[in-house]
Amino acid sequence: MANVYAALEAGATVFDASVGGLGGCPFAPNATGNIATEDLVYMWEGMGVSTGVDLDALIGVARWIEGKVGRRLEGMVMKAGPFRPIGTG
């Protein structure tokens, strides 16, 4: 997440992530997977960067996928839900 933030600040506009943090690398046996898309969307929206992504729907998809794959996924926002200050939704 810190690297994505730094890349965004440096001008990068395209990032690779996956719902729930699914993924990894078949050539790296201990690869942990990808950054969860919902975690990135949450971070960017909190920074005021409009993503056009429905975070609640994305969390729902991540939870659905978790049920389909039958194991806990790495995404943090799907576990905790998005924090919204009182009076904002």
PDB file of N, CA and C in Angstrom:
ATOM      1  N   MET A   1       0.826  -1.174   0.000  1.00  0.00           N
ATOM      2  CA  MET A   1       0.000   0.000   0.000  1.00  0.00           C
ATOM      3  C   MET A   1       0.881   1.252   0.000  1.00  0.00           C
ATOM      4  N   ALA A   2       1.935   1.234   0.780  1.00  0.00           N
ATOM      5  CA  ALA A   2       2.826   2.393   0.824  1.00  0.00           C
ATOM      6  C   ALA A   2       3.475   2.624  -0.534  1.00  0.00           C
ATOM      7  N   ASN A   3       3.832   1.543  -1.215  1.00  0.00           N
ATOM      8  CA  ASN A   3       4.444   1.687  -2.534  1.00  0.00           C
ATOM      9  C   ASN A   3       3.454   2.240  -3.550  1.00  0.00           C
ATOM     10  N   VAL A   4       2.213   1.811  -3.465  1.00  0.00           N
ATOM     11  CA  VAL A   4       1.189   2.335  -4.366  1.00  0.00           C
ATOM     12  C   VAL A   4       0.977   3.818  -4.096  1.00  0.00           C
ATOM     13  N   TYR A   5       0.931   4.186  -2.837  1.00  0.00           N
ATOM     14  CA  TYR A   5       0.773   5.599  -2.480  1.00  0.00           C
ATOM     15  C   TYR A   5       1.926   6.424  -3.061  1.00  0.00           C
ATOM     16  N   ALA A   6       3.148   5.932  -2.881  1.00  0.00           N
ATOM     17  CA  ALA A   6       4.317   6.648  -3.403  1.00  0.00           C
ATOM     18  C   ALA A   6       4.257   6.741  -4.926  1.00  0.00           C
ATOM     19  N   ALA A   7       3.838   5.673  -5.575  1.00  0.00           N
ATOM     20  CA  ALA A   7       3.735   5.691  -7.034  1.00  0.00           C
ATOM     21  C   ALA A   7       2.666   6.669  -7.495  1.00  0.00           C
ATOM     22  N   LEU A   8       1.547   6.723  -6.790  1.00  0.00           N
ATOM     23  CA  LEU A   8       0.487   7.678  -7.116  1.00  0.00           C
ATOM     24  C   LEU A   8       1.003   9.106  -6.973  1.00  0.00           C
ATOM     25  N   GLU A   9       1.715   9.363  -5.893  1.00  0.00           N
ATOM     26  CA  GLU A   9       2.289  10.692  -5.674  1.00  0.00           C
ATOM     27  C   GLU A   9       3.318  11.047  -6.748  1.00  0.00           C
ATOM     28  N   ALA A  10       3.988  10.042  -7.294  1.00  0.00           N
ATOM     29  CA  ALA A  10       4.995  10.263  -8.331  1.00  0.00           C
ATOM     30  C   ALA A  10       4.381  10.365  -9.724  1.00  0.00           C
ATOM     31  N   GLY A  11       3.055  10.173  -9.832  1.00  0.00           N
ATOM     32  CA  GLY A  11       2.395  10.356 -11.112  1.00  0.00           C
ATOM     33  C   GLY A  11       1.886   9.097 -11.792  1.00  0.00           C
ATOM     34  N   ALA A  12       2.087   7.929 -11.189  1.00  0.00           N
ATOM     35  CA  ALA A  12       1.574   6.699 -11.801  1.00  0.00           C
ATOM     36  C   ALA A  12       0.047   6.749 -11.826  1.00  0.00           C
ATOM     37  N   THR A  13      -0.536   6.210 -12.878  1.00  0.00           N
ATOM     38  CA  THR A  13      -1.991   6.243 -13.010  1.00  0.00           C
ATOM     39  C   THR A  13      -2.606   4.866 -13.242  1.00  0.00           C
ATOM     40  N   VAL A  14      -1.786   3.845 -13.398  1.00  0.00           N
ATOM     41  CA  VAL A  14      -2.289   2.491 -13.619  1.00  0.00           C
ATOM     42  C   VAL A  14      -1.662   1.578 -12.566  1.00  0.00           C
ATOM     43  N   PHE A  15      -2.523   0.802 -11.906  1.00  0.00           N
ATOM     44  CA  PHE A  15      -2.065  -0.086 -10.836  1.00  0.00           C
ATOM     45  C   PHE A  15      -2.688  -1.463 -11.031  1.00  0.00           C
ATOM     46  N   ASP A  16      -2.006  -2.478 -10.537  1.00  0.00           N
ATOM     47  CA  ASP A  16      -2.506  -3.841 -10.621  1.00  0.00           C
ATOM     48  C   ASP A  16      -2.919  -4.299  -9.231  1.00  0.00           C
ATOM     49  N   ALA A  17      -4.130  -4.790  -9.116  1.00  0.00           N
ATOM     50  CA  ALA A  17      -4.644  -5.295  -7.849  1.00  0.00           C
ATOM     51  C   ALA A  17      -5.658  -6.380  -8.181  1.00  0.00           C
ATOM     52  N   SER A  18      -6.151  -7.067  -7.160  1.00  0.00           N
ATOM     53  CA  SER A  18      -7.171  -8.080  -7.404  1.00  0.00           C
ATOM     54  C   SER A  18      -8.139  -8.115  -6.227  1.00  0.00           C
ATOM     55  N   VAL A  19      -9.379  -8.411  -6.524  1.00  0.00           N
ATOM     56  CA  VAL A  19     -10.418  -8.448  -5.503  1.00  0.00           C
ATOM     57  C   VAL A  19     -10.008  -9.430  -4.409  1.00  0.00           C
ATOM     58  N   GLY A  20     -10.055  -8.978  -3.177  1.00  0.00           N
ATOM     59  CA  GLY A  20      -9.717  -9.829  -2.047  1.00  0.00           C
ATOM     60  C   GLY A  20      -8.234 -10.113  -1.895  1.00  0.00           C
ATOM     61  N   GLY A  21      -7.417  -9.627  -2.826  1.00  0.00           N
ATOM     62  CA  GLY A  21      -5.986  -9.909  -2.791  1.00  0.00           C
ATOM     63  C   GLY A  21      -5.630 -11.256  -3.387  1.00  0.00           C
ATOM     64  N   LEU A  22      -6.555 -11.819  -4.180  1.00  0.00           N
ATOM     65  CA  LEU A  22      -6.282 -13.114  -4.813  1.00  0.00           C
ATOM     66  C   LEU A  22      -5.070 -13.019  -5.725  1.00  0.00           C
ATOM     67  N   GLY A  23      -4.419 -14.112  -5.889  1.00  0.00           N
ATOM     68  CA  GLY A  23      -3.316 -14.153  -6.835  1.00  0.00           C
ATOM     69  C   GLY A  23      -2.057 -14.680  -6.209  1.00  0.00           C
ATOM     70  N   GLY A  24      -0.981 -14.299  -6.784  1.00  0.00           N
ATOM     71  CA  GLY A  24       0.320 -14.788  -6.366  1.00  0.00           C
ATOM     72  C   GLY A  24       1.138 -15.065  -7.598  1.00  0.00           C
ATOM     73  N   CYS A  25       2.191 -15.762  -7.431  1.00  0.00           N
ATOM     74  CA  CYS A  25       3.073 -16.055  -8.554  1.00  0.00           C
ATOM     75  C   CYS A  25       3.436 -17.532  -8.521  1.00  0.00           C
ATOM     76  N   PRO A  26       3.187 -18.259  -9.616  1.00  0.00           N
ATOM     77  CA  PRO A  26       3.508 -19.686  -9.625  1.00  0.00           C
ATOM     78  C   PRO A  26       5.012 -19.961  -9.544  1.00  0.00           C
ATOM     79  N   PHE A  27       5.828 -18.946  -9.798  1.00  0.00           N
ATOM     80  CA  PHE A  27       7.277 -19.119  -9.781  1.00  0.00           C
ATOM     81  C   PHE A  27       7.895 -18.731  -8.448  1.00  0.00           C
ATOM     82  N   ALA A  28       7.090 -18.148  -7.552  1.00  0.00           N
ATOM     83  CA  ALA A  28       7.564 -17.744  -6.228  1.00  0.00           C
ATOM     84  C   ALA A  28       6.703 -18.468  -5.189  1.00  0.00           C
ATOM     85  N   PRO A  29       7.192 -19.577  -4.681  1.00  0.00           N
ATOM     86  CA  PRO A  29       6.376 -20.427  -3.819  1.00  0.00           C
ATOM     87  C   PRO A  29       5.728 -19.723  -2.621  1.00  0.00           C
ATOM     88  N   ASN A  30       6.339 -18.712  -2.081  1.00  0.00           N
ATOM     89  CA  ASN A  30       5.783 -18.033  -0.906  1.00  0.00           C
ATOM     90  C   ASN A  30       5.154 -16.681  -1.237  1.00  0.00           C
ATOM     91  N   ALA A  31       4.846 -16.469  -2.502  1.00  0.00           N
ATOM     92  CA  ALA A  31       4.217 -15.198  -2.894  1.00  0.00           C
ATOM     93  C   ALA A  31       2.900 -15.050  -2.151  1.00  0.00           C
ATOM     94  N   THR A  32       2.655 -13.866  -1.645  1.00  0.00           N
ATOM     95  CA  THR A  32       1.477 -13.641  -0.813  1.00  0.00           C
ATOM     96  C   THR A  32       0.247 -13.214  -1.586  1.00  0.00           C
ATOM     97  N   GLY A  33       0.372 -12.884  -2.838  1.00  0.00           N
ATOM     98  CA  GLY A  33      -0.781 -12.450  -3.615  1.00  0.00           C
ATOM     99  C   GLY A  33      -0.667 -10.998  -3.992  1.00  0.00           C
ATOM    100  N   ASN A  34      -1.774 -10.451  -4.426  1.00  0.00           N
ATOM    101  CA  ASN A  34      -1.817  -9.069  -4.887  1.00  0.00           C
ATOM    102  C   ASN A  34      -2.438  -8.168  -3.833  1.00  0.00           C
ATOM    103  N   ILE A  35      -2.300  -6.885  -4.025  1.00  0.00           N
ATOM    104  CA  ILE A  35      -2.985  -5.922  -3.168  1.00  0.00           C
ATOM    105  C   ILE A  35      -4.477  -6.033  -3.467  1.00  0.00           C
ATOM    106  N   ALA A  36      -5.276  -6.022  -2.431  1.00  0.00           N
ATOM    107  CA  ALA A  36      -6.724  -6.126  -2.611  1.00  0.00           C
ATOM    108  C   ALA A  36      -7.270  -4.832  -3.219  1.00  0.00           C
ATOM    109  N   THR A  37      -8.037  -4.990  -4.285  1.00  0.00           N
ATOM    110  CA  THR A  37      -8.619  -3.831  -4.970  1.00  0.00           C
ATOM    111  C   THR A  37      -9.438  -2.982  -4.014  1.00  0.00           C
ATOM    112  N   GLU A  38     -10.215  -3.626  -3.154  1.00  0.00           N
ATOM    113  CA  GLU A  38     -11.058  -2.857  -2.235  1.00  0.00           C
ATOM    114  C   GLU A  38     -10.220  -2.052  -1.241  1.00  0.00           C
ATOM    115  N   ASP A  39      -9.039  -2.543  -0.871  1.00  0.00           N
ATOM    116  CA  ASP A  39      -8.164  -1.785   0.019  1.00  0.00           C
ATOM    117  C   ASP A  39      -7.629  -0.537  -0.688  1.00  0.00           C
ATOM    118  N   LEU A  40      -7.267  -0.700  -1.974  1.00  0.00           N
ATOM    119  CA  LEU A  40      -6.785   0.458  -2.736  1.00  0.00           C
ATOM    120  C   LEU A  40      -7.885   1.490  -2.942  1.00  0.00           C
ATOM    121  N   VAL A  41      -9.066   1.029  -3.319  1.00  0.00           N
ATOM    122  CA  VAL A  41     -10.181   1.954  -3.533  1.00  0.00           C
ATOM    123  C   VAL A  41     -10.477   2.715  -2.246  1.00  0.00           C
ATOM    124  N   TYR A  42     -10.484   2.014  -1.129  1.00  0.00           N
ATOM    125  CA  TYR A  42     -10.726   2.649   0.172  1.00  0.00           C
ATOM    126  C   TYR A  42      -9.669   3.720   0.462  1.00  0.00           C
ATOM    127  N   MET A  43      -8.398   3.390   0.236  1.00  0.00           N
ATOM    128  CA  MET A  43      -7.319   4.343   0.477  1.00  0.00           C
ATOM    129  C   MET A  43      -7.480   5.574  -0.412  1.00  0.00           C
ATOM    130  N   TRP A  44      -7.698   5.343  -1.713  1.00  0.00           N
ATOM    131  CA  TRP A  44      -7.812   6.467  -2.628  1.00  0.00           C
ATOM    132  C   TRP A  44      -9.021   7.346  -2.320  1.00  0.00           C
ATOM    133  N   GLU A  45     -10.156   6.724  -2.069  1.00  0.00           N
ATOM    134  CA  GLU A  45     -11.355   7.514  -1.750  1.00  0.00           C
ATOM    135  C   GLU A  45     -11.124   8.330  -0.482  1.00  0.00           C
ATOM    136  N   GLY A  46     -10.427   7.744   0.499  1.00  0.00           N
ATOM    137  CA  GLY A  46     -10.105   8.469   1.733  1.00  0.00           C
ATOM    138  C   GLY A  46      -9.170   9.634   1.503  1.00  0.00           C
ATOM    139  N   MET A  47      -8.385   9.562   0.438  1.00  0.00           N
ATOM    140  CA  MET A  47      -7.470  10.645   0.068  1.00  0.00           C
ATOM    141  C   MET A  47      -8.148  11.677  -0.818  1.00  0.00           C
ATOM    142  N   GLY A  48      -9.403  11.419  -1.166  1.00  0.00           N
ATOM    143  CA  GLY A  48     -10.109  12.347  -2.043  1.00  0.00           C
ATOM    144  C   GLY A  48      -9.922  12.063  -3.515  1.00  0.00           C
ATOM    145  N   VAL A  49      -9.338  10.914  -3.849  1.00  0.00           N
ATOM    146  CA  VAL A  49      -9.160  10.518  -5.247  1.00  0.00           C
ATOM    147  C   VAL A  49     -10.403   9.748  -5.673  1.00  0.00           C
ATOM    148  N   SER A  50     -11.143  10.303  -6.621  1.00  0.00           N
ATOM    149  CA  SER A  50     -12.355   9.643  -7.083  1.00  0.00           C
ATOM    150  C   SER A  50     -11.988   8.446  -7.954  1.00  0.00           C
ATOM    151  N   THR A  51     -12.568   7.296  -7.642  1.00  0.00           N
ATOM    152  CA  THR A  51     -12.266   6.084  -8.412  1.00  0.00           C
ATOM    153  C   THR A  51     -13.417   5.679  -9.321  1.00  0.00           C
ATOM    154  N   GLY A  52     -14.632   6.116  -9.010  1.00  0.00           N
ATOM    155  CA  GLY A  52     -15.792   5.690  -9.767  1.00  0.00           C
ATOM    156  C   GLY A  52     -16.213   4.266  -9.443  1.00  0.00           C
ATOM    157  N   VAL A  53     -15.626   3.682  -8.393  1.00  0.00           N
ATOM    158  CA  VAL A  53     -15.916   2.304  -8.006  1.00  0.00           C
ATOM    159  C   VAL A  53     -16.871   2.315  -6.812  1.00  0.00           C
ATOM    160  N   ASP A  54     -17.876   1.479  -6.853  1.00  0.00           N
ATOM    161  CA  ASP A  54     -18.809   1.329  -5.742  1.00  0.00           C
ATOM    162  C   ASP A  54     -18.144   0.411  -4.710  1.00  0.00           C
ATOM    163  N   LEU A  55     -17.603   1.003  -3.650  1.00  0.00           N
ATOM    164  CA  LEU A  55     -16.836   0.242  -2.668  1.00  0.00           C
ATOM    165  C   LEU A  55     -17.691  -0.811  -1.972  1.00  0.00           C
ATOM    166  N   ASP A  56     -18.919  -0.478  -1.642  1.00  0.00           N
ATOM    167  CA  ASP A  56     -19.782  -1.465  -0.987  1.00  0.00           C
ATOM    168  C   ASP A  56     -20.018  -2.677  -1.885  1.00  0.00           C
ATOM    169  N   ALA A  57     -20.243  -2.436  -3.168  1.00  0.00           N
ATOM    170  CA  ALA A  57     -20.439  -3.541  -4.114  1.00  0.00           C
ATOM    171  C   ALA A  57     -19.158  -4.362  -4.251  1.00  0.00           C
ATOM    172  N   LEU A  58     -18.025  -3.699  -4.283  1.00  0.00           N
ATOM    173  CA  LEU A  58     -16.737  -4.379  -4.400  1.00  0.00           C
ATOM    174  C   LEU A  58     -16.492  -5.262  -3.180  1.00  0.00           C
ATOM    175  N   ILE A  59     -16.815  -4.767  -1.993  1.00  0.00           N
ATOM    176  CA  ILE A  59     -16.681  -5.568  -0.775  1.00  0.00           C
ATOM    177  C   ILE A  59     -17.587  -6.791  -0.856  1.00  0.00           C
ATOM    178  N   GLY A  60     -18.794  -6.605  -1.359  1.00  0.00           N
ATOM    179  CA  GLY A  60     -19.714  -7.731  -1.525  1.00  0.00           C
ATOM    180  C   GLY A  60     -19.158  -8.788  -2.451  1.00  0.00           C
ATOM    181  N   VAL A  61     -18.538  -8.365  -3.536  1.00  0.00           N
ATOM    182  CA  VAL A  61     -17.929  -9.311  -4.477  1.00  0.00           C
ATOM    183  C   VAL A  61     -16.774 -10.051  -3.800  1.00  0.00           C
ATOM    184  N   ALA A  62     -15.953  -9.333  -3.041  1.00  0.00           N
ATOM    185  CA  ALA A  62     -14.818  -9.963  -2.360  1.00  0.00           C
ATOM    186  C   ALA A  62     -15.309 -11.019  -1.370  1.00  0.00           C
ATOM    187  N   ARG A  63     -16.355 -10.699  -0.629  1.00  0.00           N
ATOM    188  CA  ARG A  63     -16.902 -11.673   0.332  1.00  0.00           C
ATOM    189  C   ARG A  63     -17.500 -12.882  -0.396  1.00  0.00           C
ATOM    190  N   TRP A  64     -18.135 -12.632  -1.528  1.00  0.00           N
ATOM    191  CA  TRP A  64     -18.718 -13.717  -2.327  1.00  0.00           C
ATOM    192  C   TRP A  64     -17.605 -14.638  -2.838  1.00  0.00           C
ATOM    193  N   ILE A  65     -16.541 -14.036  -3.368  1.00  0.00           N
ATOM    194  CA  ILE A  65     -15.419 -14.827  -3.885  1.00  0.00           C
ATOM    195  C   ILE A  65     -14.785 -15.635  -2.760  1.00  0.00           C
ATOM    196  N   GLU A  66     -14.650 -15.037  -1.582  1.00  0.00           N
ATOM    197  CA  GLU A  66     -14.090 -15.757  -0.446  1.00  0.00           C
ATOM    198  C   GLU A  66     -14.890 -17.032  -0.169  1.00  0.00           C
ATOM    199  N   GLY A  67     -16.204 -16.924  -0.247  1.00  0.00           N
ATOM    200  CA  GLY A  67     -17.047 -18.103  -0.061  1.00  0.00           C
ATOM    201  C   GLY A  67     -16.843 -19.139  -1.154  1.00  0.00           C
ATOM    202  N   LYS A  68     -16.626 -18.681  -2.370  1.00  0.00           N
ATOM    203  CA  LYS A  68     -16.436 -19.608  -3.495  1.00  0.00           C
ATOM    204  C   LYS A  68     -15.100 -20.338  -3.431  1.00  0.00           C
ATOM    205  N   VAL A  69     -14.039 -19.637  -3.027  1.00  0.00           N
ATOM    206  CA  VAL A  69     -12.733 -20.289  -2.973  1.00  0.00           C
ATOM    207  C   VAL A  69     -12.554 -21.087  -1.684  1.00  0.00           C
ATOM    208  N   GLY A  70     -13.403 -20.842  -0.700  1.00  0.00           N
ATOM    209  CA  GLY A  70     -13.382 -21.636   0.525  1.00  0.00           C
ATOM    210  C   GLY A  70     -12.219 -21.378   1.459  1.00  0.00           C
ATOM    211  N   ARG A  71     -11.674 -20.171   1.416  1.00  0.00           N
ATOM    212  CA  ARG A  71     -10.598 -19.811   2.348  1.00  0.00           C
ATOM    213  C   ARG A  71     -10.623 -18.301   2.581  1.00  0.00           C
ATOM    214  N   ARG A  72     -10.018 -17.877   3.673  1.00  0.00           N
ATOM    215  CA  ARG A  72      -9.967 -16.453   3.979  1.00  0.00           C
ATOM    216  C   ARG A  72      -9.074 -15.740   2.968  1.00  0.00           C
ATOM    217  N   LEU A  73      -9.534 -14.609   2.502  1.00  0.00           N
ATOM    218  CA  LEU A  73      -8.732 -13.803   1.594  1.00  0.00           C
ATOM    219  C   LEU A  73      -8.015 -12.709   2.379  1.00  0.00           C
ATOM    220  N   GLU A  74      -7.052 -12.080   1.738  1.00  0.00           N
ATOM    221  CA  GLU A  74      -6.174 -11.146   2.429  1.00  0.00           C
ATOM    222  C   GLU A  74      -6.707  -9.720   2.563  1.00  0.00           C
ATOM    223  N   GLY A  75      -7.726  -9.359   1.812  1.00  0.00           N
ATOM    224  CA  GLY A  75      -8.221  -7.985   1.853  1.00  0.00           C
ATOM    225  C   GLY A  75      -8.645  -7.563   3.256  1.00  0.00           C
ATOM    226  N   MET A  76      -8.245  -6.374   3.662  1.00  0.00           N
ATOM    227  CA  MET A  76      -8.572  -5.873   5.001  1.00  0.00           C
ATOM    228  C   MET A  76      -9.935  -5.194   5.043  1.00  0.00           C
ATOM    229  N   VAL A  77     -10.258  -4.416   4.029  1.00  0.00           N
ATOM    230  CA  VAL A  77     -11.519  -3.673   4.031  1.00  0.00           C
ATOM    231  C   VAL A  77     -12.705  -4.629   3.938  1.00  0.00           C
ATOM    232  N   MET A  78     -12.546  -5.740   3.243  1.00  0.00           N
ATOM    233  CA  MET A  78     -13.654  -6.700   3.168  1.00  0.00           C
ATOM    234  C   MET A  78     -13.936  -7.321   4.525  1.00  0.00           C
ATOM    235  N   LYS A  79     -12.931  -7.390   5.392  1.00  0.00           N
ATOM    236  CA  LYS A  79     -13.106  -7.965   6.719  1.00  0.00           C
ATOM    237  C   LYS A  79     -13.700  -6.956   7.687  1.00  0.00           C
ATOM    238  N   ALA A  80     -13.201  -5.739   7.648  1.00  0.00           N
ATOM    239  CA  ALA A  80     -13.598  -4.725   8.626  1.00  0.00           C
ATOM    240  C   ALA A  80     -14.736  -3.844   8.141  1.00  0.00           C
ATOM    241  N   GLY A  81     -14.916  -3.765   6.834  1.00  0.00           N
ATOM    242  CA  GLY A  81     -15.887  -2.825   6.283  1.00  0.00           C
ATOM    243  C   GLY A  81     -15.263  -1.439   6.218  1.00  0.00           C
ATOM    244  N   PRO A  82     -15.809  -0.591   5.387  1.00  0.00           N
ATOM    245  CA  PRO A  82     -15.230   0.756   5.259  1.00  0.00           C
ATOM    246  C   PRO A  82     -15.590   1.624   6.455  1.00  0.00           C
ATOM    247  N   PHE A  83     -14.658   2.449   6.875  1.00  0.00           N
ATOM    248  CA  PHE A  83     -14.910   3.421   7.938  1.00  0.00           C
ATOM    249  C   PHE A  83     -15.497   4.660   7.303  1.00  0.00           C
ATOM    250  N   ARG A  84     -16.596   5.084   7.815  1.00  0.00           N
ATOM    251  CA  ARG A  84     -17.201   6.323   7.345  1.00  0.00           C
ATOM    252  C   ARG A  84     -17.474   7.206   8.549  1.00  0.00           C
ATOM    253  N   PRO A  85     -16.930   8.404   8.575  1.00  0.00           N
ATOM    254  CA  PRO A  85     -17.191   9.295   9.701  1.00  0.00           C
ATOM    255  C   PRO A  85     -18.677   9.483   9.930  1.00  0.00           C
ATOM    256  N   ILE A  86     -19.084   9.697  11.164  1.00  0.00           N
ATOM    257  CA  ILE A  86     -20.495   9.878  11.530  1.00  0.00           C
ATOM    258  C   ILE A  86     -21.112  10.969  10.665  1.00  0.00           C
ATOM    259  N   GLY A  87     -22.276  10.655  10.122  1.00  0.00           N
ATOM    260  CA  GLY A  87     -23.007  11.622   9.317  1.00  0.00           C
ATOM    261  C   GLY A  87     -22.647  11.623   7.844  1.00  0.00           C
ATOM    262  N   THR A  88     -21.792  10.670   7.411  1.00  0.00           N
ATOM    263  CA  THR A  88     -21.410  10.653   5.992  1.00  0.00           C
ATOM    264  C   THR A  88     -21.938   9.438   5.265  1.00  0.00           C
ATOM    265  N   GLY A  89     -22.777   8.670   5.848  1.00  0.00           N
ATOM    266  CA  GLY A  89     -23.325   7.543   5.103  1.00  0.00           C
ATOM    267  C   GLY A  89     -23.394   6.347   5.935  1.00  0.00           C
TER     268      GLY A  89
END
